[in-house]
């Protein structure tokens, strides 16, 4: 699984919007308020919806089926198997873990004969698919709370990558407090 933040924007705009509620013109003061409010849910941290991230995620299909739980504040563009699965034969690098050679042979035979339905019917859940996800800090907080201790190791990897790459970890849950 690969996770890479492509872009982040909206920090100053989000804090400017927050400053309207508090009638605070000094940026440093509103930053302190933002850090406090970011840790409070229930609408207190709605300014986090305005800090947007675009993330490239290359993950197995079974992980994507769980990620699809997060629909509010998230848009996705994916590497379409509809348009790409018959373009080339598959190898082990196309999967989270190497797959059975018999399954690989069936897939590649069906790719060579352009039998789309059979390829889709036999495609293992470990097949890696890249998506570009557009989301925000509020959604990331929710994902972290819900998935930090998930039994799928990919969730822990995803969360660790987020903490390593985002610009404003101060707005995410404190690791020891989850």
N, C-alpha and C. Protein backbone atom coordinates (compact mmCIF):
# COMPACT_ATOMS: atom_id res chain seq x y z
N UNK A 1 0.85 -1.18 0.00
CA UNK A 1 0.00 0.00 0.00
C UNK A 1 0.89 1.24 0.00
N UNK A 2 0.53 2.19 -0.86
CA UNK A 2 1.27 3.46 -0.92
C UNK A 2 0.30 4.60 -0.67
N UNK A 3 0.73 5.55 0.15
CA UNK A 3 -0.09 6.73 0.48
C UNK A 3 0.80 7.95 0.30
N UNK A 4 0.34 8.89 -0.53
CA UNK A 4 1.13 10.09 -0.77
C UNK A 4 0.22 11.30 -0.86
N UNK A 5 0.46 12.29 0.00
CA UNK A 5 -0.32 13.52 -0.07
C UNK A 5 0.21 14.34 -1.25
N UNK A 6 -0.68 14.66 -2.16
CA UNK A 6 -0.31 15.41 -3.36
C UNK A 6 -0.36 16.92 -3.13
N UNK A 7 -1.35 17.36 -2.35
CA UNK A 7 -1.53 18.79 -2.13
C UNK A 7 -2.42 19.01 -0.91
N UNK A 8 -2.21 20.14 -0.26
CA UNK A 8 -3.03 20.58 0.86
C UNK A 8 -3.29 22.06 0.68
N UNK A 9 -4.49 22.50 0.94
CA UNK A 9 -4.75 23.93 0.86
C UNK A 9 -5.95 24.31 1.73
N UNK A 10 -6.06 25.60 2.00
CA UNK A 10 -7.20 26.12 2.74
C UNK A 10 -6.94 26.48 4.18
N UNK A 11 -5.72 26.34 4.65
CA UNK A 11 -5.41 26.62 6.05
C UNK A 11 -5.76 28.06 6.43
N UNK A 12 -5.21 29.01 5.71
CA UNK A 12 -5.45 30.42 6.04
C UNK A 12 -6.92 30.78 5.87
N UNK A 13 -7.55 30.25 4.83
CA UNK A 13 -8.96 30.53 4.60
C UNK A 13 -9.84 29.95 5.70
N UNK A 14 -9.52 28.74 6.15
CA UNK A 14 -10.29 28.11 7.23
C UNK A 14 -10.18 28.93 8.51
N UNK A 15 -8.96 29.39 8.82
CA UNK A 15 -8.78 30.19 10.03
C UNK A 15 -9.40 31.57 9.91
N UNK A 16 -9.39 32.12 8.73
CA UNK A 16 -10.07 33.40 8.51
C UNK A 16 -11.57 33.23 8.77
N UNK A 17 -12.15 32.16 8.27
CA UNK A 17 -13.56 31.87 8.53
C UNK A 17 -13.84 31.67 10.00
N UNK A 18 -12.96 30.97 10.68
CA UNK A 18 -13.10 30.76 12.13
C UNK A 18 -13.02 32.08 12.87
N UNK A 19 -12.16 32.96 12.43
CA UNK A 19 -11.99 34.26 13.11
C UNK A 19 -13.26 35.09 13.07
N UNK A 20 -14.13 34.86 12.10
CA UNK A 20 -15.38 35.61 12.02
C UNK A 20 -16.26 35.33 13.24
N UNK A 21 -16.26 34.08 13.70
CA UNK A 21 -17.08 33.72 14.86
C UNK A 21 -16.56 34.32 16.15
N UNK A 22 -15.28 34.60 16.20
CA UNK A 22 -14.66 35.09 17.44
C UNK A 22 -14.26 36.55 17.36
N UNK A 23 -14.51 37.17 16.22
CA UNK A 23 -14.16 38.58 16.02
C UNK A 23 -12.71 38.85 16.41
N UNK A 24 -11.85 37.97 15.93
CA UNK A 24 -10.42 38.06 16.22
C UNK A 24 -9.69 38.34 14.91
N UNK A 25 -8.93 39.43 14.88
CA UNK A 25 -8.19 39.78 13.67
C UNK A 25 -6.75 39.30 13.69
N UNK A 26 -6.22 39.00 14.86
CA UNK A 26 -4.82 38.59 14.96
C UNK A 26 -4.70 37.10 14.65
N UNK A 27 -3.90 36.78 13.62
CA UNK A 27 -3.80 35.42 13.13
C UNK A 27 -3.26 34.46 14.19
N UNK A 28 -2.27 34.88 14.96
CA UNK A 28 -1.68 33.99 15.98
C UNK A 28 -2.71 33.63 17.05
N UNK A 29 -3.56 34.57 17.40
CA UNK A 29 -4.60 34.28 18.40
C UNK A 29 -5.60 33.26 17.87
N UNK A 30 -6.01 33.44 16.64
CA UNK A 30 -7.01 32.52 16.09
C UNK A 30 -6.39 31.13 15.85
N UNK A 31 -5.08 31.07 15.61
CA UNK A 31 -4.43 29.76 15.50
C UNK A 31 -4.53 28.99 16.82
N UNK A 32 -4.36 29.68 17.94
CA UNK A 32 -4.48 29.02 19.24
C UNK A 32 -5.90 28.53 19.48
N UNK A 33 -6.88 29.33 19.10
CA UNK A 33 -8.29 28.93 19.23
C UNK A 33 -8.55 27.71 18.34
N UNK A 34 -8.01 27.74 17.13
CA UNK A 34 -8.21 26.64 16.18
C UNK A 34 -7.68 25.32 16.73
N UNK A 35 -6.51 25.35 17.35
CA UNK A 35 -5.93 24.12 17.90
C UNK A 35 -6.84 23.56 18.99
N UNK A 36 -7.36 24.42 19.85
CA UNK A 36 -8.28 23.95 20.91
C UNK A 36 -9.56 23.38 20.32
N UNK A 37 -10.16 24.11 19.36
CA UNK A 37 -11.42 23.67 18.79
C UNK A 37 -11.26 22.42 17.91
N UNK A 38 -10.10 22.24 17.32
CA UNK A 38 -9.90 21.09 16.44
C UNK A 38 -10.11 19.77 17.17
N UNK A 39 -9.87 19.77 18.47
CA UNK A 39 -10.00 18.53 19.26
C UNK A 39 -11.42 18.32 19.78
N UNK A 40 -12.32 19.27 19.49
CA UNK A 40 -13.72 19.15 19.93
C UNK A 40 -14.58 18.86 18.71
N UNK A 41 -15.33 17.78 18.79
CA UNK A 41 -16.21 17.46 17.68
C UNK A 41 -17.58 18.08 17.92
N UNK A 42 -18.60 17.61 17.23
CA UNK A 42 -19.94 18.14 17.43
C UNK A 42 -20.15 19.52 16.82
N UNK A 43 -19.41 19.84 15.78
CA UNK A 43 -19.59 21.11 15.10
C UNK A 43 -18.62 22.19 15.52
N UNK A 44 -17.94 22.00 16.65
CA UNK A 44 -16.98 23.01 17.11
C UNK A 44 -15.78 23.13 16.17
N UNK A 45 -15.47 22.05 15.46
CA UNK A 45 -14.29 22.05 14.60
C UNK A 45 -14.65 22.04 13.11
N UNK A 46 -15.79 22.60 12.78
CA UNK A 46 -16.23 22.57 11.37
C UNK A 46 -15.28 23.30 10.43
N UNK A 47 -14.44 24.19 10.97
CA UNK A 47 -13.46 24.88 10.12
C UNK A 47 -12.50 23.88 9.45
N UNK A 48 -12.35 22.67 10.05
CA UNK A 48 -11.46 21.65 9.48
C UNK A 48 -11.95 21.15 8.12
N UNK A 49 -13.23 21.32 7.85
CA UNK A 49 -13.77 20.91 6.55
C UNK A 49 -13.20 21.76 5.43
N UNK A 50 -12.69 22.93 5.76
CA UNK A 50 -12.15 23.85 4.75
C UNK A 50 -10.67 23.63 4.45
N UNK A 51 -10.03 22.76 5.19
CA UNK A 51 -8.62 22.44 4.90
C UNK A 51 -8.64 21.13 4.10
N UNK A 52 -8.36 21.26 2.82
CA UNK A 52 -8.57 20.18 1.87
C UNK A 52 -7.24 19.52 1.51
N UNK A 53 -7.30 18.19 1.31
CA UNK A 53 -6.12 17.42 0.91
C UNK A 53 -6.46 16.55 -0.28
N UNK A 54 -5.50 16.38 -1.15
CA UNK A 54 -5.59 15.41 -2.23
C UNK A 54 -4.53 14.36 -1.94
N UNK A 55 -4.98 13.10 -1.87
CA UNK A 55 -4.10 12.00 -1.48
C UNK A 55 -4.13 10.92 -2.56
N UNK A 56 -2.95 10.49 -2.98
CA UNK A 56 -2.85 9.35 -3.89
C UNK A 56 -2.71 8.10 -3.01
N UNK A 57 -3.62 7.15 -3.21
CA UNK A 57 -3.61 5.92 -2.41
C UNK A 57 -3.63 4.73 -3.37
N UNK A 58 -2.66 3.86 -3.22
CA UNK A 58 -2.58 2.62 -3.99
C UNK A 58 -2.81 1.49 -2.99
N UNK A 59 -4.02 0.91 -3.02
CA UNK A 59 -4.41 -0.04 -1.98
C UNK A 59 -5.18 -1.21 -2.59
N UNK A 60 -5.22 -2.33 -1.85
CA UNK A 60 -5.97 -3.49 -2.36
C UNK A 60 -7.48 -3.23 -2.34
N UNK A 61 -8.17 -3.96 -3.21
CA UNK A 61 -9.62 -3.79 -3.33
C UNK A 61 -10.33 -4.01 -2.00
N UNK A 62 -9.89 -4.93 -1.17
CA UNK A 62 -10.57 -5.17 0.10
C UNK A 62 -10.47 -3.97 1.03
N UNK A 63 -9.39 -3.21 0.94
CA UNK A 63 -9.27 -1.99 1.75
C UNK A 63 -10.20 -0.91 1.22
N UNK A 64 -10.28 -0.78 -0.11
CA UNK A 64 -11.15 0.23 -0.70
C UNK A 64 -12.60 0.00 -0.33
N UNK A 65 -13.01 -1.24 -0.22
CA UNK A 65 -14.42 -1.49 0.15
C UNK A 65 -14.72 -0.94 1.54
N UNK A 66 -13.74 -0.93 2.43
CA UNK A 66 -13.94 -0.31 3.75
C UNK A 66 -13.81 1.21 3.67
N UNK A 67 -12.88 1.70 2.86
CA UNK A 67 -12.71 3.15 2.74
C UNK A 67 -13.98 3.81 2.19
N UNK A 68 -14.72 3.08 1.38
CA UNK A 68 -15.95 3.62 0.79
C UNK A 68 -17.00 3.98 1.83
N UNK A 69 -16.77 3.61 3.09
CA UNK A 69 -17.63 4.05 4.20
C UNK A 69 -17.61 5.57 4.32
N UNK A 70 -16.48 6.17 3.98
CA UNK A 70 -16.30 7.62 4.16
C UNK A 70 -16.70 8.34 2.88
N UNK A 71 -17.96 8.76 2.84
CA UNK A 71 -18.51 9.40 1.65
C UNK A 71 -18.68 10.90 1.81
N UNK A 72 -18.96 11.36 3.00
CA UNK A 72 -19.19 12.79 3.22
C UNK A 72 -17.85 13.51 3.25
N UNK A 73 -17.70 14.52 2.44
CA UNK A 73 -16.46 15.28 2.40
C UNK A 73 -15.33 14.57 1.68
N UNK A 74 -15.67 13.58 0.85
CA UNK A 74 -14.65 12.82 0.13
C UNK A 74 -15.10 12.63 -1.32
N UNK A 75 -14.21 12.91 -2.24
CA UNK A 75 -14.44 12.52 -3.64
C UNK A 75 -13.25 11.67 -4.07
N UNK A 76 -13.50 10.75 -5.00
CA UNK A 76 -12.44 9.84 -5.43
C UNK A 76 -12.46 9.72 -6.95
N UNK A 77 -11.27 9.64 -7.51
CA UNK A 77 -11.11 9.29 -8.92
C UNK A 77 -10.20 8.08 -8.94
N UNK A 78 -10.62 7.04 -9.67
CA UNK A 78 -9.86 5.80 -9.56
C UNK A 78 -9.30 5.34 -10.88
N UNK A 79 -8.31 4.48 -10.72
CA UNK A 79 -7.74 3.74 -11.84
C UNK A 79 -8.80 2.70 -12.20
N UNK A 80 -9.44 2.87 -13.29
CA UNK A 80 -10.61 2.06 -13.65
C UNK A 80 -10.21 0.71 -14.22
N UNK A 81 -10.68 -0.35 -13.60
CA UNK A 81 -10.44 -1.67 -14.18
C UNK A 81 -11.25 -1.81 -15.48
N UNK A 82 -12.34 -1.07 -15.59
CA UNK A 82 -13.16 -1.11 -16.80
C UNK A 82 -12.31 -0.75 -18.02
N UNK A 83 -11.44 0.25 -17.87
CA UNK A 83 -10.68 0.74 -19.01
C UNK A 83 -9.24 0.22 -19.06
N UNK A 84 -8.73 -0.34 -17.96
CA UNK A 84 -7.31 -0.68 -17.94
C UNK A 84 -6.99 -2.16 -17.76
N UNK A 85 -7.92 -2.95 -17.25
CA UNK A 85 -7.58 -4.33 -16.85
C UNK A 85 -7.15 -5.21 -18.04
N UNK A 86 -7.57 -4.90 -19.24
CA UNK A 86 -7.20 -5.72 -20.40
C UNK A 86 -6.00 -5.16 -21.18
N UNK A 87 -5.39 -4.10 -20.68
CA UNK A 87 -4.30 -3.42 -21.41
C UNK A 87 -2.98 -4.19 -21.36
N UNK A 88 -2.76 -4.95 -20.28
CA UNK A 88 -1.49 -5.66 -20.13
C UNK A 88 -1.68 -6.84 -19.20
N UNK A 89 -0.77 -7.80 -19.31
CA UNK A 89 -0.83 -8.95 -18.40
C UNK A 89 -0.42 -8.50 -17.00
N UNK A 90 -0.93 -9.19 -16.00
CA UNK A 90 -0.66 -8.86 -14.60
C UNK A 90 0.57 -9.61 -14.09
N UNK A 91 1.22 -9.03 -13.10
CA UNK A 91 2.34 -9.67 -12.42
C UNK A 91 2.11 -9.53 -10.91
N UNK A 92 3.00 -10.11 -10.13
CA UNK A 92 2.85 -10.05 -8.67
C UNK A 92 2.85 -8.63 -8.12
N UNK A 93 3.49 -7.68 -8.81
CA UNK A 93 3.51 -6.30 -8.30
C UNK A 93 2.14 -5.64 -8.36
N UNK A 94 1.20 -6.25 -9.07
CA UNK A 94 -0.16 -5.72 -9.15
C UNK A 94 -1.02 -6.11 -7.95
N UNK A 95 -0.43 -6.83 -7.00
CA UNK A 95 -1.20 -7.35 -5.87
C UNK A 95 -0.51 -7.00 -4.56
N UNK A 96 -1.30 -6.92 -3.51
CA UNK A 96 -0.77 -6.63 -2.17
C UNK A 96 0.25 -7.69 -1.76
N UNK A 97 -0.06 -8.93 -2.06
CA UNK A 97 0.85 -10.06 -1.83
C UNK A 97 0.83 -10.93 -3.09
N UNK A 98 1.89 -11.70 -3.34
CA UNK A 98 1.87 -12.56 -4.52
C UNK A 98 0.67 -13.51 -4.49
N UNK A 99 0.09 -13.73 -5.67
CA UNK A 99 -1.07 -14.63 -5.73
C UNK A 99 -0.66 -15.98 -6.31
N UNK A 100 -1.53 -16.94 -6.16
CA UNK A 100 -1.32 -18.30 -6.67
C UNK A 100 -1.03 -18.24 -8.18
N UNK A 101 -0.02 -18.96 -8.62
CA UNK A 101 0.38 -18.92 -10.04
C UNK A 101 -0.73 -19.41 -10.96
N UNK A 102 -1.54 -20.35 -10.48
CA UNK A 102 -2.67 -20.83 -11.29
C UNK A 102 -3.69 -19.74 -11.53
N UNK A 103 -3.96 -18.96 -10.49
CA UNK A 103 -4.90 -17.84 -10.62
C UNK A 103 -4.32 -16.80 -11.58
N UNK A 104 -3.02 -16.54 -11.44
CA UNK A 104 -2.37 -15.56 -12.32
C UNK A 104 -2.46 -16.02 -13.78
N UNK A 105 -2.25 -17.32 -14.01
CA UNK A 105 -2.33 -17.85 -15.38
C UNK A 105 -3.74 -17.69 -15.95
N UNK A 106 -4.75 -17.98 -15.15
CA UNK A 106 -6.15 -17.81 -15.60
C UNK A 106 -6.41 -16.36 -15.94
N UNK A 107 -5.99 -15.45 -15.06
CA UNK A 107 -6.19 -14.02 -15.32
C UNK A 107 -5.52 -13.60 -16.62
N UNK A 108 -4.27 -13.96 -16.79
CA UNK A 108 -3.53 -13.53 -17.97
C UNK A 108 -4.04 -14.18 -19.25
N UNK A 109 -4.49 -15.41 -19.17
CA UNK A 109 -5.12 -16.05 -20.34
C UNK A 109 -6.36 -15.26 -20.74
N UNK A 110 -7.17 -14.89 -19.77
CA UNK A 110 -8.39 -14.13 -20.05
C UNK A 110 -8.07 -12.71 -20.52
N UNK A 111 -6.98 -12.14 -20.05
CA UNK A 111 -6.56 -10.83 -20.54
C UNK A 111 -6.15 -10.93 -22.01
N UNK A 112 -5.39 -11.97 -22.35
CA UNK A 112 -4.95 -12.16 -23.74
C UNK A 112 -6.14 -12.35 -24.69
N UNK A 113 -7.18 -13.04 -24.21
CA UNK A 113 -8.37 -13.27 -25.06
C UNK A 113 -9.40 -12.15 -24.92
N UNK A 114 -9.06 -11.14 -24.12
CA UNK A 114 -9.92 -9.96 -23.92
C UNK A 114 -11.28 -10.33 -23.33
N UNK A 115 -11.30 -11.34 -22.45
CA UNK A 115 -12.55 -11.77 -21.79
C UNK A 115 -12.72 -10.98 -20.50
N UNK A 116 -13.24 -9.80 -20.63
CA UNK A 116 -13.38 -8.85 -19.52
C UNK A 116 -14.14 -9.46 -18.33
N UNK A 117 -15.28 -10.07 -18.59
CA UNK A 117 -16.09 -10.63 -17.51
C UNK A 117 -15.33 -11.67 -16.70
N UNK A 118 -14.60 -12.53 -17.38
CA UNK A 118 -13.85 -13.57 -16.67
C UNK A 118 -12.69 -12.98 -15.85
N UNK A 119 -12.05 -11.95 -16.38
CA UNK A 119 -10.98 -11.30 -15.61
C UNK A 119 -11.59 -10.71 -14.34
N UNK A 120 -12.69 -9.98 -14.49
CA UNK A 120 -13.33 -9.36 -13.32
C UNK A 120 -13.81 -10.43 -12.32
N UNK A 121 -14.34 -11.54 -12.83
CA UNK A 121 -14.84 -12.60 -11.95
C UNK A 121 -13.73 -13.27 -11.15
N UNK A 122 -12.51 -13.30 -11.69
CA UNK A 122 -11.42 -13.99 -11.01
C UNK A 122 -10.41 -13.06 -10.34
N UNK A 123 -10.62 -11.76 -10.46
CA UNK A 123 -9.66 -10.80 -9.91
C UNK A 123 -9.67 -10.86 -8.38
N UNK A 124 -8.54 -11.20 -7.77
CA UNK A 124 -8.49 -11.31 -6.30
C UNK A 124 -8.67 -9.95 -5.61
N UNK A 125 -9.13 -10.00 -4.38
CA UNK A 125 -9.34 -8.79 -3.57
C UNK A 125 -8.02 -8.09 -3.27
N UNK A 126 -6.90 -8.79 -3.41
CA UNK A 126 -5.61 -8.17 -3.13
C UNK A 126 -5.09 -7.34 -4.31
N UNK A 127 -5.87 -7.26 -5.40
CA UNK A 127 -5.48 -6.46 -6.55
C UNK A 127 -5.37 -4.99 -6.12
N UNK A 128 -4.25 -4.36 -6.45
CA UNK A 128 -4.02 -2.98 -6.06
C UNK A 128 -4.68 -2.02 -7.05
N UNK A 129 -5.34 -1.02 -6.49
CA UNK A 129 -5.97 0.01 -7.30
C UNK A 129 -5.59 1.37 -6.76
N UNK A 130 -5.18 2.26 -7.65
CA UNK A 130 -4.84 3.61 -7.23
C UNK A 130 -6.05 4.52 -7.37
N UNK A 131 -6.25 5.34 -6.35
CA UNK A 131 -7.28 6.36 -6.39
C UNK A 131 -6.69 7.66 -5.88
N UNK A 132 -7.17 8.74 -6.44
CA UNK A 132 -6.86 10.06 -5.92
C UNK A 132 -8.06 10.48 -5.10
N UNK A 133 -7.83 10.72 -3.83
CA UNK A 133 -8.90 11.05 -2.90
C UNK A 133 -8.79 12.52 -2.52
N UNK A 134 -9.91 13.22 -2.60
CA UNK A 134 -9.98 14.60 -2.13
C UNK A 134 -10.81 14.58 -0.86
N UNK A 135 -10.21 15.02 0.24
CA UNK A 135 -10.90 14.97 1.53
C UNK A 135 -10.47 16.17 2.36
N UNK A 136 -10.77 16.13 3.65
CA UNK A 136 -10.42 17.25 4.52
C UNK A 136 -10.03 16.74 5.91
N UNK A 137 -9.56 17.65 6.73
CA UNK A 137 -9.06 17.28 8.06
C UNK A 137 -10.16 16.71 8.95
N UNK A 138 -11.37 17.18 8.82
CA UNK A 138 -12.44 16.66 9.67
C UNK A 138 -12.70 15.18 9.36
N UNK A 139 -12.71 14.83 8.09
CA UNK A 139 -12.88 13.43 7.70
C UNK A 139 -11.69 12.59 8.19
N UNK A 140 -10.48 13.13 8.06
CA UNK A 140 -9.30 12.39 8.53
C UNK A 140 -9.38 12.11 10.03
N UNK A 141 -9.86 13.09 10.80
CA UNK A 141 -10.04 12.86 12.25
C UNK A 141 -10.98 11.68 12.49
N UNK A 142 -12.07 11.65 11.76
CA UNK A 142 -13.04 10.57 11.91
C UNK A 142 -12.42 9.22 11.54
N UNK A 143 -11.69 9.18 10.44
CA UNK A 143 -11.03 7.94 10.03
C UNK A 143 -10.07 7.48 11.13
N UNK A 144 -9.28 8.39 11.66
CA UNK A 144 -8.30 8.03 12.69
C UNK A 144 -8.99 7.47 13.92
N UNK A 145 -10.05 8.13 14.38
CA UNK A 145 -10.78 7.62 15.54
C UNK A 145 -11.34 6.23 15.29
N UNK A 146 -11.88 6.01 14.10
CA UNK A 146 -12.56 4.74 13.82
C UNK A 146 -11.63 3.60 13.42
N UNK A 147 -10.46 3.91 12.88
CA UNK A 147 -9.63 2.86 12.29
C UNK A 147 -8.25 2.68 12.92
N UNK A 148 -7.89 3.49 13.90
CA UNK A 148 -6.54 3.44 14.47
C UNK A 148 -6.14 2.04 14.96
N UNK A 149 -7.07 1.31 15.52
CA UNK A 149 -6.75 -0.02 16.05
C UNK A 149 -7.43 -1.13 15.25
N UNK A 150 -7.69 -0.87 14.00
CA UNK A 150 -8.37 -1.84 13.14
C UNK A 150 -7.47 -3.04 12.89
N UNK A 151 -8.08 -4.21 12.71
CA UNK A 151 -7.26 -5.41 12.50
C UNK A 151 -6.61 -5.48 11.12
N UNK A 152 -7.10 -4.72 10.14
CA UNK A 152 -6.40 -4.66 8.85
C UNK A 152 -5.19 -3.75 9.00
N UNK A 153 -4.02 -4.30 8.77
CA UNK A 153 -2.78 -3.54 8.95
C UNK A 153 -2.71 -2.32 8.04
N UNK A 154 -3.43 -2.35 6.92
CA UNK A 154 -3.40 -1.22 5.99
C UNK A 154 -3.97 0.06 6.62
N UNK A 155 -4.92 -0.08 7.55
CA UNK A 155 -5.47 1.11 8.21
C UNK A 155 -4.41 1.79 9.07
N UNK A 156 -3.66 1.01 9.82
CA UNK A 156 -2.60 1.58 10.65
C UNK A 156 -1.54 2.22 9.76
N UNK A 157 -1.20 1.56 8.66
CA UNK A 157 -0.24 2.13 7.71
C UNK A 157 -0.76 3.45 7.14
N UNK A 158 -2.02 3.47 6.71
CA UNK A 158 -2.62 4.68 6.16
C UNK A 158 -2.54 5.83 7.17
N UNK A 159 -2.94 5.56 8.40
CA UNK A 159 -2.95 6.59 9.44
C UNK A 159 -1.53 7.08 9.73
N UNK A 160 -0.58 6.17 9.83
CA UNK A 160 0.81 6.58 10.05
C UNK A 160 1.32 7.46 8.91
N UNK A 161 0.98 7.11 7.68
CA UNK A 161 1.38 7.93 6.53
C UNK A 161 0.76 9.32 6.60
N UNK A 162 -0.48 9.40 7.04
CA UNK A 162 -1.14 10.70 7.17
C UNK A 162 -0.39 11.56 8.19
N UNK A 163 -0.10 11.01 9.36
CA UNK A 163 0.63 11.77 10.38
C UNK A 163 2.01 12.20 9.90
N UNK A 164 2.65 11.38 9.09
CA UNK A 164 3.99 11.70 8.60
C UNK A 164 3.98 12.79 7.53
N UNK A 165 2.85 12.94 6.81
CA UNK A 165 2.85 13.80 5.64
C UNK A 165 2.01 15.07 5.73
N UNK A 166 1.01 15.11 6.61
CA UNK A 166 0.16 16.31 6.65
C UNK A 166 0.92 17.50 7.20
N UNK A 167 0.44 18.68 6.87
CA UNK A 167 1.07 19.91 7.34
C UNK A 167 0.64 20.30 8.75
N UNK A 168 -0.53 19.83 9.20
CA UNK A 168 -1.08 20.33 10.47
C UNK A 168 -1.51 19.18 11.39
N UNK A 169 -0.53 18.43 11.88
CA UNK A 169 -0.86 17.33 12.80
C UNK A 169 -1.53 17.86 14.06
N UNK A 170 -1.33 19.13 14.36
CA UNK A 170 -1.95 19.72 15.56
C UNK A 170 -3.47 19.65 15.50
N UNK A 171 -4.05 19.46 14.32
CA UNK A 171 -5.51 19.38 14.19
C UNK A 171 -6.02 17.95 14.22
N UNK A 172 -5.13 16.98 14.23
CA UNK A 172 -5.52 15.58 14.27
C UNK A 172 -5.53 15.09 15.72
N UNK A 173 -6.20 13.97 15.99
CA UNK A 173 -6.21 13.45 17.36
C UNK A 173 -4.80 13.19 17.85
N UNK A 174 -4.57 13.45 19.11
CA UNK A 174 -3.28 13.13 19.72
C UNK A 174 -3.22 11.60 19.85
N UNK A 175 -2.15 11.01 19.39
CA UNK A 175 -2.03 9.55 19.33
C UNK A 175 -2.36 8.89 20.66
N UNK A 176 -1.84 9.39 21.76
CA UNK A 176 -2.08 8.77 23.06
C UNK A 176 -3.51 8.92 23.56
N UNK A 177 -4.29 9.79 22.93
CA UNK A 177 -5.66 10.06 23.39
C UNK A 177 -6.71 9.31 22.60
N UNK A 178 -6.30 8.49 21.64
CA UNK A 178 -7.30 7.79 20.83
C UNK A 178 -7.67 6.49 21.50
